[in-house]
Amino acid sequence: MAPRERGRVTAHIDASRHPSKATGGRGEVQDVSPREGAMPSNQELVRSSRFIFSGVVVGLSQSSVPALRPGPGLITARLERSLRVDPVLGDIRAKIITVVAKAPQSLRIGEQAVFFANSWIRGRGLAVREVGRVDVDQADDVAAEVAKLPELHLEERLRSAALVVTAEIVSIDPPAPTFDQHSGLWAAAHLDVDEVLRGPPGASAVLYFPTAAWPPFDRMPHFNLHQRGVFLLHAQSGESVPGERGLPPGALIAPDPDDFLDWSEIERIRQALSRIQ
């Protein structure tokens, strides 16, 4: 790809590395693949990237990660502003990031840009795979798109829910005994429904939730007796997913951290529902 022309915004994207869905984690949304042949928008780039920062190029064909040999396709950049970064990394301002760059030949030492990427190597150094980049003067626009992610994620969870209710857990059936080491050890929480916000009306519902403490179930909500709030209940995938073995047909689950929200969030949820209906 040719170097960028002065004053023209370019973006390089590898859609093949980013499937259409993302799982787990508050505020995450489904990845959106850019339209074929079209310049990806900042929103599309944000939703395809989990590591976004503005920075300045400090090395070409260089690496800041001991386990990663310097070579063509790699660049190093000093992080100047974190736009979307896993909080577990802490404060990484001024940290040197190794980037597996798209079209590295278009970059020059001292050039500033907003880099859209996904984490690759963590530990003694940090390396990411670039999804795309835009001019650094778009950093505020990118930050605004990142700020929209929690609401977009909530809307997606509401849109895909089979049933959205305000309710209280009035009893819990323990998991059935099993020798399946991959089982989620699903318990059944019986809900006393106060209000149906989306889905067919009914006075009760049963929510199945995992009690297993190993991945991927450790990232799913676990529930307690008398827990009260807003439940976003989803049909099980219907696919042959090992973790869903043992669930009865038609079981409703809440696998995402945003599938249960505190009662204080009710107005936010009503507003989100009004936007998607």
C-alpha atoms as a PDB file:
ATOM      1  CA  MET A   1       0.000   0.000   0.000  1.00  0.00           C
ATOM      2  CA  ALA A   2       1.346   3.411  -0.926  1.00  0.00           C
ATOM      3  CA  PRO A   3       2.497   5.863   1.752  1.00  0.00           C
ATOM      4  CA  ARG A   4      -0.048   8.342   3.001  1.00  0.00           C
ATOM      5  CA  GLU A   5      -0.441  11.585   1.155  1.00  0.00           C
ATOM      6  CA  ARG A   6      -0.199  14.784   3.136  1.00  0.00           C
ATOM      7  CA  GLY A   7      -3.528  15.712   4.713  1.00  0.00           C
ATOM      8  CA  ARG A   8      -5.203  12.459   3.752  1.00  0.00           C
ATOM      9  CA  VAL A   9      -6.420   9.989   6.389  1.00  0.00           C
ATOM     10  CA  THR A  10      -5.635   6.356   5.679  1.00  0.00           C
ATOM     11  CA  ALA A  11      -6.419   3.203   7.612  1.00  0.00           C
ATOM     12  CA  HIS A  12      -5.047  -0.299   7.160  1.00  0.00           C
ATOM     13  CA  ILE A  13      -7.155  -3.192   8.442  1.00  0.00           C
ATOM     14  CA  ASP A  14      -6.862  -6.957   8.579  1.00  0.00           C
ATOM     15  CA  ALA A  15     -10.457  -8.106   8.986  1.00  0.00           C
ATOM     16  CA  SER A  16      -9.501 -11.789   8.780  1.00  0.00           C
ATOM     17  CA  ARG A  17      -7.990 -11.628  12.266  1.00  0.00           C
ATOM     18  CA  HIS A  18     -11.186 -10.355  13.843  1.00  0.00           C
ATOM     19  CA  PRO A  19     -14.230 -12.619  13.897  1.00  0.00           C
ATOM     20  CA  SER A  20     -17.713 -11.232  13.876  1.00  0.00           C
ATOM     21  CA  LYS A  21     -18.309 -11.864  17.586  1.00  0.00           C
ATOM     22  CA  ALA A  22     -16.488 -11.094  20.787  1.00  0.00           C
ATOM     23  CA  THR A  23     -17.181 -12.781  24.088  1.00  0.00           C
ATOM     24  CA  GLY A  24     -16.807 -12.003  27.744  1.00  0.00           C
ATOM     25  CA  GLY A  25     -16.048  -8.756  29.489  1.00  0.00           C
ATOM     26  CA  ARG A  26     -18.041  -5.748  30.481  1.00  0.00           C
ATOM     27  CA  GLY A  27     -18.365  -3.122  27.813  1.00  0.00           C
ATOM     28  CA  GLU A  28     -17.345  -5.420  24.975  1.00  0.00           C
ATOM     29  CA  VAL A  29     -19.385  -5.400  21.775  1.00  0.00           C
ATOM     30  CA  GLN A  30     -19.586  -7.562  18.725  1.00  0.00           C
ATOM     31  CA  ASP A  31     -16.740  -6.922  16.347  1.00  0.00           C
ATOM     32  CA  VAL A  32     -17.810  -5.263  13.120  1.00  0.00           C
ATOM     33  CA  SER A  33     -15.977  -6.132   9.942  1.00  0.00           C
ATOM     34  CA  PRO A  34     -15.557  -3.146   7.621  1.00  0.00           C
ATOM     35  CA  ARG A  35     -17.403  -3.186   4.346  1.00  0.00           C
ATOM     36  CA  GLU A  36     -15.300  -4.770   1.656  1.00  0.00           C
ATOM     37  CA  GLY A  37     -13.477  -2.167  -0.407  1.00  0.00           C
ATOM     38  CA  ALA A  38     -14.608   0.693   1.841  1.00  0.00           C
ATOM     39  CA  MET A  39     -12.517   2.842   4.150  1.00  0.00           C
ATOM     40  CA  PRO A  40     -13.294   1.596   7.688  1.00  0.00           C
ATOM     41  CA  SER A  41     -14.856   4.148   9.973  1.00  0.00           C
ATOM     42  CA  ASN A  42     -13.467   4.970  13.393  1.00  0.00           C
ATOM     43  CA  GLN A  43     -16.419   3.112  14.914  1.00  0.00           C
ATOM     44  CA  GLU A  44     -15.592  -0.021  12.924  1.00  0.00           C
ATOM     45  CA  LEU A  45     -11.931   0.214  13.874  1.00  0.00           C
ATOM     46  CA  VAL A  46     -12.769   0.711  17.549  1.00  0.00           C
ATOM     47  CA  ARG A  47     -15.064  -2.304  17.567  1.00  0.00           C
ATOM     48  CA  SER A  48     -12.379  -4.445  15.889  1.00  0.00           C
ATOM     49  CA  SER A  49      -9.642  -3.481  18.355  1.00  0.00           C
ATOM     50  CA  ARG A  50      -8.990  -4.125  22.029  1.00  0.00           C
ATOM     51  CA  PHE A  51      -5.790  -2.066  22.299  1.00  0.00           C
ATOM     52  CA  ILE A  52      -5.978   1.501  20.990  1.00  0.00           C
ATOM     53  CA  PHE A  53      -3.457   4.241  21.617  1.00  0.00           C
ATOM     54  CA  SER A  54      -1.939   7.346  20.130  1.00  0.00           C
ATOM     55  CA  GLY A  55       1.816   7.271  19.896  1.00  0.00           C
ATOM     56  CA  VAL A  56       4.951   8.261  18.059  1.00  0.00           C
ATOM     57  CA  VAL A  57       7.070   5.893  15.981  1.00  0.00           C
ATOM     58  CA  VAL A  58      10.527   5.487  17.533  1.00  0.00           C
ATOM     59  CA  GLY A  59      11.903   2.476  15.656  1.00  0.00           C
ATOM     60  CA  LEU A  60      11.517   0.653  12.339  1.00  0.00           C
ATOM     61  CA  SER A  61      12.165  -3.097  12.099  1.00  0.00           C
ATOM     62  CA  GLN A  62      12.753  -2.964  15.859  1.00  0.00           C
ATOM     63  CA  SER A  63      11.352  -4.834  18.870  1.00  0.00           C
ATOM     64  CA  SER A  64      11.063  -3.928  22.546  1.00  0.00           C
ATOM     65  CA  VAL A  65      10.136  -7.491  23.517  1.00  0.00           C
ATOM     66  CA  PRO A  66      13.094  -9.791  24.328  1.00  0.00           C
ATOM     67  CA  ALA A  67      11.256 -12.858  23.000  1.00  0.00           C
ATOM     68  CA  LEU A  68      10.510 -11.164  19.666  1.00  0.00           C
ATOM     69  CA  ARG A  69      13.341 -10.740  17.177  1.00  0.00           C
ATOM     70  CA  PRO A  70      13.581  -7.392  15.343  1.00  0.00           C
ATOM     71  CA  GLY A  71      12.697  -7.631  11.680  1.00  0.00           C
ATOM     72  CA  PRO A  72      10.630  -6.347   8.777  1.00  0.00           C
ATOM     73  CA  GLY A  73       7.013  -5.649   9.625  1.00  0.00           C
ATOM     74  CA  LEU A  74       7.782  -4.610  13.198  1.00  0.00           C
ATOM     75  CA  ILE A  75       7.871  -1.060  14.482  1.00  0.00           C
ATOM     76  CA  THR A  76       8.186   0.378  17.972  1.00  0.00           C
ATOM     77  CA  ALA A  77       6.048   3.268  19.156  1.00  0.00           C
ATOM     78  CA  ARG A  78       6.047   5.268  22.366  1.00  0.00           C
ATOM     79  CA  LEU A  79       2.563   5.339  23.847  1.00  0.00           C
ATOM     80  CA  GLU A  80       1.385   8.903  24.437  1.00  0.00           C
ATOM     81  CA  ARG A  81      -2.317   8.389  25.156  1.00  0.00           C
ATOM     82  CA  SER A  82      -4.239   5.246  26.070  1.00  0.00           C
ATOM     83  CA  LEU A  83      -7.600   5.195  24.295  1.00  0.00           C
ATOM     84  CA  ARG A  84      -8.654   1.586  24.922  1.00  0.00           C
ATOM     85  CA  VAL A  85      -6.319  -0.507  27.048  1.00  0.00           C
ATOM     86  CA  ASP A  86      -6.919  -3.383  29.448  1.00  0.00           C
ATOM     87  CA  PRO A  87      -6.878  -1.827  32.959  1.00  0.00           C
ATOM     88  CA  VAL A  88      -4.825  -4.791  34.209  1.00  0.00           C
ATOM     89  CA  LEU A  89      -1.832  -3.278  32.399  1.00  0.00           C
ATOM     90  CA  GLY A  90      -1.885  -0.271  34.709  1.00  0.00           C
ATOM     91  CA  ASP A  91      -0.315   3.049  33.758  1.00  0.00           C
ATOM     92  CA  ILE A  92       1.646   2.471  30.558  1.00  0.00           C
ATOM     93  CA  ARG A  93       2.159   6.068  29.485  1.00  0.00           C
ATOM     94  CA  ALA A  94       5.495   6.508  27.675  1.00  0.00           C
ATOM     95  CA  LYS A  95       5.887   2.731  27.399  1.00  0.00           C
ATOM     96  CA  ILE A  96       7.490   1.448  24.196  1.00  0.00           C
ATOM     97  CA  ILE A  97       5.052  -0.811  22.341  1.00  0.00           C
ATOM     98  CA  THR A  98       6.115  -3.253  19.632  1.00  0.00           C
ATOM     99  CA  VAL A  99       3.618  -3.249  16.782  1.00  0.00           C
ATOM    100  CA  VAL A 100       3.207  -5.828  14.031  1.00  0.00           C
ATOM    101  CA  ALA A 101       2.339  -3.128  11.538  1.00  0.00           C
ATOM    102  CA  LYS A 102       0.089  -3.131   8.521  1.00  0.00           C
ATOM    103  CA  ALA A 103       1.956  -1.414   5.684  1.00  0.00           C
ATOM    104  CA  PRO A 104       5.016  -0.558   7.829  1.00  0.00           C
ATOM    105  CA  GLN A 105       6.660   1.037   4.789  1.00  0.00           C
ATOM    106  CA  SER A 106       4.238   3.965   5.152  1.00  0.00           C
ATOM    107  CA  LEU A 107       5.623   4.866   8.587  1.00  0.00           C
ATOM    108  CA  ARG A 108       8.560   7.129   9.421  1.00  0.00           C
ATOM    109  CA  ILE A 109      10.518   7.768  12.619  1.00  0.00           C
ATOM    110  CA  GLY A 110       8.824  10.563  14.569  1.00  0.00           C
ATOM    111  CA  GLU A 111       5.436  10.052  12.886  1.00  0.00           C
ATOM    112  CA  GLN A 112       2.418  10.264  15.176  1.00  0.00           C
ATOM    113  CA  ALA A 113      -0.725   8.192  14.702  1.00  0.00           C
ATOM    114  CA  VAL A 114      -3.618   6.525  16.445  1.00  0.00           C
ATOM    115  CA  PHE A 115      -2.960   2.771  16.391  1.00  0.00           C
ATOM    116  CA  PHE A 116      -5.825   0.249  16.513  1.00  0.00           C
ATOM    117  CA  ALA A 117      -4.532  -3.137  17.575  1.00  0.00           C
ATOM    118  CA  ASN A 118      -5.067  -6.304  19.559  1.00  0.00           C
ATOM    119  CA  SER A 119      -2.770  -7.612  22.272  1.00  0.00           C
ATOM    120  CA  TRP A 120      -0.331 -10.327  21.226  1.00  0.00           C
ATOM    121  CA  ILE A 121       2.503 -10.646  23.756  1.00  0.00           C
ATOM    122  CA  ARG A 122       2.494  -9.504  27.386  1.00  0.00           C
ATOM    123  CA  GLY A 123       5.144  -9.944  30.018  1.00  0.00           C
ATOM    124  CA  ARG A 124       8.674  -8.671  29.486  1.00  0.00           C
ATOM    125  CA  GLY A 125       7.505  -6.072  27.032  1.00  0.00           C
ATOM    126  CA  LEU A 126       4.270  -5.546  25.188  1.00  0.00           C
ATOM    127  CA  ALA A 127       3.578  -6.444  21.556  1.00  0.00           C
ATOM    128  CA  VAL A 128       0.364  -5.921  19.588  1.00  0.00           C
ATOM    129  CA  ARG A 129      -0.952  -6.754  16.135  1.00  0.00           C
ATOM    130  CA  GLU A 130      -2.174  -3.711  14.265  1.00  0.00           C
ATOM    131  CA  VAL A 131      -5.700  -3.634  12.881  1.00  0.00           C
ATOM    132  CA  GLY A 132      -5.506  -0.122  11.450  1.00  0.00           C
ATOM    133  CA  ARG A 133      -4.346   3.432  12.062  1.00  0.00           C
ATOM    134  CA  VAL A 134      -5.528   6.962  11.513  1.00  0.00           C
ATOM    135  CA  ASP A 135      -3.994  10.410  11.827  1.00  0.00           C
ATOM    136  CA  VAL A 136      -3.294  11.516  15.381  1.00  0.00           C
ATOM    137  CA  ASP A 137      -5.604  14.525  15.024  1.00  0.00           C
ATOM    138  CA  GLN A 138      -8.517  12.056  15.160  1.00  0.00           C
ATOM    139  CA  ALA A 139      -7.627  10.917  18.692  1.00  0.00           C
ATOM    140  CA  ASP A 140     -10.518  12.804  20.305  1.00  0.00           C
ATOM    141  CA  ASP A 141     -12.990  11.343  17.803  1.00  0.00           C
ATOM    142  CA  VAL A 142     -11.664   7.851  18.544  1.00  0.00           C
ATOM    143  CA  ALA A 143     -11.953   8.476  22.301  1.00  0.00           C
ATOM    144  CA  ALA A 144     -15.596   9.469  21.779  1.00  0.00           C
ATOM    145  CA  GLU A 145     -16.277   6.196  19.932  1.00  0.00           C
ATOM    146  CA  VAL A 146     -14.614   4.213  22.726  1.00  0.00           C
ATOM    147  CA  ALA A 147     -16.828   5.995  25.270  1.00  0.00           C
ATOM    148  CA  LYS A 148     -19.920   4.712  23.423  1.00  0.00           C
ATOM    149  CA  LEU A 149     -18.924   1.043  23.796  1.00  0.00           C
ATOM    150  CA  PRO A 150     -20.708   0.322  27.110  1.00  0.00           C
ATOM    151  CA  GLU A 151     -24.039   1.572  25.762  1.00  0.00           C
ATOM    152  CA  LEU A 152     -23.566  -0.271  22.468  1.00  0.00           C
ATOM    153  CA  HIS A 153     -22.787  -3.442  24.378  1.00  0.00           C
ATOM    154  CA  LEU A 154     -25.887  -3.046  26.549  1.00  0.00           C
ATOM    155  CA  GLU A 155     -28.043  -2.522  23.451  1.00  0.00           C
ATOM    156  CA  GLU A 156     -26.623  -5.671  21.853  1.00  0.00           C
ATOM    157  CA  ARG A 157     -27.301  -7.726  24.972  1.00  0.00           C
ATOM    158  CA  LEU A 158     -30.863  -6.376  25.166  1.00  0.00           C
ATOM    159  CA  ARG A 159     -31.466  -6.975  21.473  1.00  0.00           C
ATOM    160  CA  SER A 160     -30.322 -10.605  21.683  1.00  0.00           C
ATOM    161  CA  ALA A 161     -32.134 -11.386  24.962  1.00  0.00           C
ATOM    162  CA  ALA A 162     -35.102 -13.727  24.902  1.00  0.00           C
ATOM    163  CA  LEU A 163     -36.449 -12.187  28.094  1.00  0.00           C
ATOM    164  CA  VAL A 164     -35.609  -9.054  30.114  1.00  0.00           C
ATOM    165  CA  VAL A 165     -37.185  -8.837  33.555  1.00  0.00           C
ATOM    166  CA  THR A 166     -36.922  -7.151  36.906  1.00  0.00           C
ATOM    167  CA  ALA A 167     -37.027  -9.965  39.419  1.00  0.00           C
ATOM    168  CA  GLU A 168     -35.777 -11.554  42.626  1.00  0.00           C
ATOM    169  CA  ILE A 169     -34.209 -15.004  43.010  1.00  0.00           C
ATOM    170  CA  VAL A 170     -36.513 -16.859  45.398  1.00  0.00           C
ATOM    171  CA  SER A 171     -34.919 -20.326  45.284  1.00  0.00           C
ATOM    172  CA  ILE A 172     -31.922 -22.076  43.750  1.00  0.00           C
ATOM    173  CA  ASP A 173     -31.704 -25.735  42.726  1.00  0.00           C
ATOM    174  CA  PRO A 174     -28.118 -27.030  43.044  1.00  0.00           C
ATOM    175  CA  PRO A 175     -26.309 -28.549  40.046  1.00  0.00           C
ATOM    176  CA  ALA A 176     -27.067 -32.141  39.174  1.00  0.00           C
ATOM    177  CA  PRO A 177     -24.229 -34.570  39.968  1.00  0.00           C
ATOM    178  CA  THR A 178     -21.984 -35.229  36.982  1.00  0.00           C
ATOM    179  CA  PHE A 179     -18.662 -36.830  36.072  1.00  0.00           C
ATOM    180  CA  ASP A 180     -18.247 -34.445  33.137  1.00  0.00           C
ATOM    181  CA  GLN A 181     -15.066 -32.470  33.856  1.00  0.00           C
ATOM    182  CA  HIS A 182     -16.104 -29.825  31.304  1.00  0.00           C
ATOM    183  CA  SER A 183     -19.511 -29.165  32.836  1.00  0.00           C
ATOM    184  CA  GLY A 184     -20.381 -25.692  34.034  1.00  0.00           C
ATOM    185  CA  LEU A 185     -22.177 -27.267  37.022  1.00  0.00           C
ATOM    186  CA  TRP A 186     -25.341 -25.363  36.198  1.00  0.00           C
ATOM    187  CA  ALA A 187     -27.666 -24.347  39.021  1.00  0.00           C
ATOM    188  CA  ALA A 188     -31.268 -23.263  38.455  1.00  0.00           C
ATOM    189  CA  ALA A 189     -32.355 -19.934  39.944  1.00  0.00           C
ATOM    190  CA  HIS A 190     -36.116 -19.463  40.159  1.00  0.00           C
ATOM    191  CA  LEU A 191     -37.119 -15.854  39.577  1.00  0.00           C
ATOM    192  CA  ASP A 192     -40.125 -14.053  40.985  1.00  0.00           C
ATOM    193  CA  VAL A 193     -40.760 -11.542  38.197  1.00  0.00           C
ATOM    194  CA  ASP A 194     -41.855  -8.002  39.035  1.00  0.00           C
ATOM    195  CA  GLU A 195     -41.953  -6.606  35.486  1.00  0.00           C
ATOM    196  CA  VAL A 196     -41.290  -7.913  31.999  1.00  0.00           C
ATOM    197  CA  LEU A 197     -39.345  -5.287  30.065  1.00  0.00           C
ATOM    198  CA  ARG A 198     -38.851  -7.349  26.899  1.00  0.00           C
ATOM    199  CA  GLY A 199     -40.262 -10.704  25.860  1.00  0.00           C
ATOM    200  CA  PRO A 200     -43.452 -12.659  26.573  1.00  0.00           C
ATOM    201  CA  PRO A 201     -45.283 -11.821  29.820  1.00  0.00           C
ATOM    202  CA  GLY A 202     -45.082 -14.262  32.699  1.00  0.00           C
ATOM    203  CA  ALA A 203     -45.012 -14.390  36.466  1.00  0.00           C
ATOM    204  CA  SER A 204     -41.902 -16.559  36.800  1.00  0.00           C
ATOM    205  CA  ALA A 205     -38.798 -17.677  34.970  1.00  0.00           C
ATOM    206  CA  VAL A 206     -35.845 -19.981  35.589  1.00  0.00           C
ATOM    207  CA  LEU A 207     -32.282 -18.793  35.073  1.00  0.00           C
ATOM    208  CA  TYR A 208     -29.518 -21.380  34.721  1.00  0.00           C
ATOM    209  CA  PHE A 209     -26.087 -20.183  35.816  1.00  0.00           C
ATOM    210  CA  PRO A 210     -22.725 -21.936  36.205  1.00  0.00           C
ATOM    211  CA  THR A 211     -21.204 -22.618  39.600  1.00  0.00           C
ATOM    212  CA  ALA A 212     -17.924 -23.919  38.170  1.00  0.00           C
ATOM    213  CA  ALA A 213     -14.888 -21.813  39.042  1.00  0.00           C
ATOM    214  CA  TRP A 214     -12.800 -22.619  35.962  1.00  0.00           C
ATOM    215  CA  PRO A 215     -12.687 -20.954  32.501  1.00  0.00           C
ATOM    216  CA  PRO A 216     -14.838 -19.923  30.785  1.00  0.00           C
ATOM    217  CA  PHE A 217     -17.389 -20.131  33.604  1.00  0.00           C
ATOM    218  CA  ASP A 218     -15.346 -18.011  36.034  1.00  0.00           C
ATOM    219  CA  ARG A 219     -16.102 -14.990  33.809  1.00  0.00           C
ATOM    220  CA  MET A 220     -19.866 -15.541  33.851  1.00  0.00           C
ATOM    221  CA  PRO A 221     -22.176 -14.091  36.502  1.00  0.00           C
ATOM    222  CA  HIS A 222     -22.852 -16.285  39.524  1.00  0.00           C
ATOM    223  CA  PHE A 223     -26.009 -15.623  41.524  1.00  0.00           C
ATOM    224  CA  ASN A 224     -27.221 -15.766  45.122  1.00  0.00           C
ATOM    225  CA  LEU A 225     -30.532 -16.342  46.846  1.00  0.00           C
ATOM    226  CA  HIS A 226     -32.664 -13.166  47.122  1.00  0.00           C
ATOM    227  CA  GLN A 227     -30.511 -11.337  44.590  1.00  0.00           C
ATOM    228  CA  ARG A 228     -32.681  -8.690  42.966  1.00  0.00           C
ATOM    229  CA  GLY A 229     -32.226  -6.578  39.874  1.00  0.00           C
ATOM    230  CA  VAL A 230     -32.616  -6.644  36.102  1.00  0.00           C
ATOM    231  CA  PHE A 231     -31.968  -9.982  34.384  1.00  0.00           C
ATOM    232  CA  LEU A 232     -31.204 -10.258  30.645  1.00  0.00           C
ATOM    233  CA  LEU A 233     -31.959 -13.891  29.856  1.00  0.00           C
ATOM    234  CA  HIS A 234     -30.636 -15.505  26.688  1.00  0.00           C
ATOM    235  CA  ALA A 235     -31.402 -18.787  24.983  1.00  0.00           C
ATOM    236  CA  GLN A 236     -28.503 -21.225  25.008  1.00  0.00           C
ATOM    237  CA  SER A 237     -26.490 -21.299  21.802  1.00  0.00           C
ATOM    238  CA  GLY A 238     -28.101 -24.452  20.400  1.00  0.00           C
ATOM    239  CA  GLU A 239     -24.683 -25.484  19.106  1.00  0.00           C
ATOM    240  CA  SER A 240     -22.608 -28.357  20.446  1.00  0.00           C
ATOM    241  CA  VAL A 241     -20.842 -26.305  23.085  1.00  0.00           C
ATOM    242  CA  PRO A 242     -19.164 -28.518  25.714  1.00  0.00           C
ATOM    243  CA  GLY A 243     -19.884 -26.094  28.565  1.00  0.00           C
ATOM    244  CA  GLU A 244     -23.633 -26.155  27.864  1.00  0.00           C
ATOM    245  CA  ARG A 245     -23.952 -29.915  28.201  1.00  0.00           C
ATOM    246  CA  GLY A 246     -26.433 -30.765  30.906  1.00  0.00           C
ATOM    247  CA  LEU A 247     -28.721 -27.806  30.299  1.00  0.00           C
ATOM    248  CA  PRO A 248     -32.348 -28.730  29.601  1.00  0.00           C
ATOM    249  CA  PRO A 249     -33.898 -27.779  26.246  1.00  0.00           C
ATOM    250  CA  GLY A 250     -35.015 -24.159  26.193  1.00  0.00           C
ATOM    251  CA  ALA A 251     -32.885 -23.193  29.169  1.00  0.00           C
ATOM    252  CA  LEU A 252     -32.303 -19.477  29.714  1.00  0.00           C
ATOM    253  CA  ILE A 253     -28.819 -18.308  30.694  1.00  0.00           C
ATOM    254  CA  ALA A 254     -27.029 -15.035  31.502  1.00  0.00           C
ATOM    255  CA  PRO A 255     -23.424 -15.580  30.376  1.00  0.00           C
ATOM    256  CA  ASP A 256     -22.283 -11.970  30.057  1.00  0.00           C
ATOM    257  CA  PRO A 257     -21.372  -9.701  33.004  1.00  0.00           C
ATOM    258  CA  ASP A 258     -23.922  -7.167  31.699  1.00  0.00           C
ATOM    259  CA  ASP A 259     -26.721  -9.759  31.716  1.00  0.00           C
ATOM    260  CA  PHE A 260     -27.446  -8.781  35.307  1.00  0.00           C
ATOM    261  CA  LEU A 261     -27.717  -5.146  36.330  1.00  0.00           C
ATOM    262  CA  ASP A 262     -28.506  -3.498  39.627  1.00  0.00           C
ATOM    263  CA  TRP A 263     -31.976  -2.113  40.205  1.00  0.00           C
ATOM    264  CA  SER A 264     -30.500   1.403  40.083  1.00  0.00           C
ATOM    265  CA  GLU A 265     -29.800   0.879  36.352  1.00  0.00           C
ATOM    266  CA  ILE A 266     -33.489   0.516  35.437  1.00  0.00           C
ATOM    267  CA  GLU A 267     -33.863   3.930  33.758  1.00  0.00           C
ATOM    268  CA  ARG A 268     -30.691   3.396  31.736  1.00  0.00           C
ATOM    269  CA  ILE A 269     -32.109   0.057  30.584  1.00  0.00           C
ATOM    270  CA  ARG A 270     -35.488   1.555  29.668  1.00  0.00           C
ATOM    271  CA  GLN A 271     -33.728   4.207  27.580  1.00  0.00           C
ATOM    272  CA  ALA A 272     -31.644   1.577  25.820  1.00  0.00           C
ATOM    273  CA  LEU A 273     -34.747  -0.488  25.100  1.00  0.00           C
ATOM    274  CA  SER A 274     -36.470   2.546  23.605  1.00  0.00           C
ATOM    275  CA  ARG A 275     -33.523   2.985  21.222  1.00  0.00           C
ATOM    276  CA  ILE A 276     -33.636  -0.566  19.887  1.00  0.00           C
ATOM    277  CA  GLN A 277     -37.410  -0.992  19.569  1.00  0.00           C
END
